[in-house]
Amino acid sequence: MKRSRVIIGSALAGLVAASLAAQSEAQQNPPAEKCYGITKAGQNDCGTARHSCAGKATRDRDPEDWKMVPKGTCEKAGGTLEPGERAKQGGRK
């Protein structure tokens, strides 16, 4: 077999593998959004004006703390997409 055919075949195999990996990652990581006001104390995803790190929330349902959730589920969980707004206390509708 010619060396050029081996190189071309390897390149094509690499492109196919990269394409399949990208599709798999997209299926495993659906679109997400920041949901404010649903976190429990110590379970937030990132810092705010009050603290600098994930896991530093000091109270439940703080309207400044957020958690990443699958797109379209924030309001169902009783949260809001805007920081500082008071989330619904009831949770699910």
C-alpha atoms as a PDB file:
ATOM      1  CA  MET A   1       0.000   0.000   0.000  1.00  0.00           C
ATOM      2  CA  LYS A   2       1.294   3.429  -0.820  1.00  0.00           C
ATOM      3  CA  ARG A   3       2.333   5.658   2.008  1.00  0.00           C
ATOM      4  CA  SER A   4       0.100   8.522   0.783  1.00  0.00           C
ATOM      5  CA  ARG A   5      -2.990   6.265   0.990  1.00  0.00           C
ATOM      6  CA  VAL A   6      -2.143   5.366   4.585  1.00  0.00           C
ATOM      7  CA  ILE A   7      -1.764   9.032   5.496  1.00  0.00           C
ATOM      8  CA  ILE A   8      -5.047   9.996   3.789  1.00  0.00           C
ATOM      9  CA  GLY A   9      -6.873   7.085   5.428  1.00  0.00           C
ATOM     10  CA  SER A  10      -5.535   8.053   8.838  1.00  0.00           C
ATOM     11  CA  ALA A  11      -6.587  11.659   8.337  1.00  0.00           C
ATOM     12  CA  LEU A  12     -10.115  10.630   7.333  1.00  0.00           C
ATOM     13  CA  ALA A  13     -10.388   8.299  10.317  1.00  0.00           C
ATOM     14  CA  GLY A  14      -9.325  11.160  12.590  1.00  0.00           C
ATOM     15  CA  LEU A  15     -11.977  13.477  11.133  1.00  0.00           C
ATOM     16  CA  VAL A  16     -14.693  10.865  11.618  1.00  0.00           C
ATOM     17  CA  ALA A  17     -13.596  10.216  15.208  1.00  0.00           C
ATOM     18  CA  ALA A  18     -13.543  13.949  16.012  1.00  0.00           C
ATOM     19  CA  SER A  19     -17.020  14.400  14.531  1.00  0.00           C
ATOM     20  CA  LEU A  20     -18.436  11.513  16.574  1.00  0.00           C
ATOM     21  CA  ALA A  21     -16.821  12.838  19.750  1.00  0.00           C
ATOM     22  CA  ALA A  22     -18.341  16.293  19.210  1.00  0.00           C
ATOM     23  CA  GLN A  23     -21.809  14.787  18.683  1.00  0.00           C
ATOM     24  CA  SER A  24     -21.476  12.686  21.823  1.00  0.00           C
ATOM     25  CA  GLU A  25     -20.428  15.705  23.920  1.00  0.00           C
ATOM     26  CA  ALA A  26     -23.354  17.773  22.643  1.00  0.00           C
ATOM     27  CA  GLN A  27     -25.777  15.031  23.671  1.00  0.00           C
ATOM     28  CA  GLN A  28     -24.221  14.678  27.133  1.00  0.00           C
ATOM     29  CA  ASN A  29     -24.162  18.453  27.795  1.00  0.00           C
ATOM     30  CA  PRO A  30     -27.543  19.905  26.864  1.00  0.00           C
ATOM     31  CA  PRO A  31     -27.931  23.705  26.848  1.00  0.00           C
ATOM     32  CA  ALA A  32     -27.953  25.095  30.383  1.00  0.00           C
ATOM     33  CA  GLU A  33     -28.784  28.386  32.069  1.00  0.00           C
ATOM     34  CA  LYS A  34     -28.036  30.133  35.355  1.00  0.00           C
ATOM     35  CA  CYS A  35     -30.958  29.818  37.760  1.00  0.00           C
ATOM     36  CA  TYR A  36     -31.014  32.265  40.674  1.00  0.00           C
ATOM     37  CA  GLY A  37     -32.710  31.697  44.003  1.00  0.00           C
ATOM     38  CA  ILE A  38     -32.874  27.897  44.070  1.00  0.00           C
ATOM     39  CA  THR A  39     -29.603  26.973  45.750  1.00  0.00           C
ATOM     40  CA  LYS A  40     -29.234  25.499  49.200  1.00  0.00           C
ATOM     41  CA  ALA A  41     -26.601  26.945  51.535  1.00  0.00           C
ATOM     42  CA  GLY A  42     -23.167  25.748  50.384  1.00  0.00           C
ATOM     43  CA  GLN A  43     -24.390  24.369  47.039  1.00  0.00           C
ATOM     44  CA  ASN A  44     -24.111  27.351  44.685  1.00  0.00           C
ATOM     45  CA  ASP A  45     -22.130  27.056  41.443  1.00  0.00           C
ATOM     46  CA  CYS A  46     -20.074  30.267  41.492  1.00  0.00           C
ATOM     47  CA  GLY A  47     -19.249  33.489  43.309  1.00  0.00           C
ATOM     48  CA  THR A  48     -21.367  36.618  43.742  1.00  0.00           C
ATOM     49  CA  ALA A  49     -20.818  40.090  45.212  1.00  0.00           C
ATOM     50  CA  ARG A  50     -20.978  38.531  48.690  1.00  0.00           C
ATOM     51  CA  HIS A  51     -18.465  35.702  48.175  1.00  0.00           C
ATOM     52  CA  SER A  52     -15.939  34.558  45.610  1.00  0.00           C
ATOM     53  CA  CYS A  53     -16.372  30.827  45.157  1.00  0.00           C
ATOM     54  CA  ALA A  54     -18.719  27.957  44.490  1.00  0.00           C
ATOM     55  CA  GLY A  55     -20.069  26.359  47.635  1.00  0.00           C
ATOM     56  CA  LYS A  56     -19.875  29.573  49.695  1.00  0.00           C
ATOM     57  CA  ALA A  57     -23.606  30.430  49.821  1.00  0.00           C
ATOM     58  CA  THR A  58     -24.605  31.042  53.428  1.00  0.00           C
ATOM     59  CA  ARG A  59     -28.384  30.744  53.143  1.00  0.00           C
ATOM     60  CA  ASP A  60     -30.978  28.782  51.210  1.00  0.00           C
ATOM     61  CA  ARG A  61     -32.717  30.386  48.194  1.00  0.00           C
ATOM     62  CA  ASP A  62     -30.543  33.521  48.185  1.00  0.00           C
ATOM     63  CA  PRO A  63     -31.647  35.559  45.128  1.00  0.00           C
ATOM     64  CA  GLU A  64     -27.995  36.387  44.289  1.00  0.00           C
ATOM     65  CA  ASP A  65     -26.698  32.781  44.266  1.00  0.00           C
ATOM     66  CA  TRP A  66     -27.175  30.585  41.230  1.00  0.00           C
ATOM     67  CA  LYS A  67     -26.876  27.038  39.964  1.00  0.00           C
ATOM     68  CA  MET A  68     -26.638  25.777  36.377  1.00  0.00           C
ATOM     69  CA  VAL A  69     -29.756  23.857  35.329  1.00  0.00           C
ATOM     70  CA  PRO A  70     -30.948  22.418  32.004  1.00  0.00           C
ATOM     71  CA  LYS A  71     -32.444  25.136  29.824  1.00  0.00           C
ATOM     72  CA  GLY A  72     -36.153  25.624  30.443  1.00  0.00           C
ATOM     73  CA  THR A  73     -36.259  24.159  33.963  1.00  0.00           C
ATOM     74  CA  CYS A  74     -35.425  27.174  36.135  1.00  0.00           C
ATOM     75  CA  GLU A  75     -38.913  28.600  36.575  1.00  0.00           C
ATOM     76  CA  LYS A  76     -40.325  25.100  37.121  1.00  0.00           C
ATOM     77  CA  ALA A  77     -37.929  24.742  40.068  1.00  0.00           C
ATOM     78  CA  GLY A  78     -39.148  28.043  41.531  1.00  0.00           C
ATOM     79  CA  GLY A  79     -36.131  30.127  40.459  1.00  0.00           C
ATOM     80  CA  THR A  80     -35.562  33.101  38.212  1.00  0.00           C
ATOM     81  CA  LEU A  81     -33.162  33.865  35.351  1.00  0.00           C
ATOM     82  CA  GLU A  82     -32.281  37.321  36.709  1.00  0.00           C
ATOM     83  CA  PRO A  83     -30.057  37.910  39.764  1.00  0.00           C
ATOM     84  CA  GLY A  84     -31.566  39.669  42.726  1.00  0.00           C
ATOM     85  CA  GLU A  85     -35.172  38.900  41.871  1.00  0.00           C
ATOM     86  CA  ARG A  86     -37.127  37.119  44.566  1.00  0.00           C
ATOM     87  CA  ALA A  87     -37.798  33.526  43.481  1.00  0.00           C
ATOM     88  CA  LYS A  88     -41.141  31.862  44.025  1.00  0.00           C
ATOM     89  CA  GLN A  89     -41.189  30.118  47.401  1.00  0.00           C
ATOM     90  CA  GLY A  90     -43.504  27.322  46.295  1.00  0.00           C
ATOM     91  CA  GLY A  91     -41.138  25.553  43.922  1.00  0.00           C
ATOM     92  CA  ARG A  92     -42.885  23.505  41.232  1.00  0.00           C
ATOM     93  CA  LYS A  93     -46.123  24.785  39.748  1.00  0.00           C
END
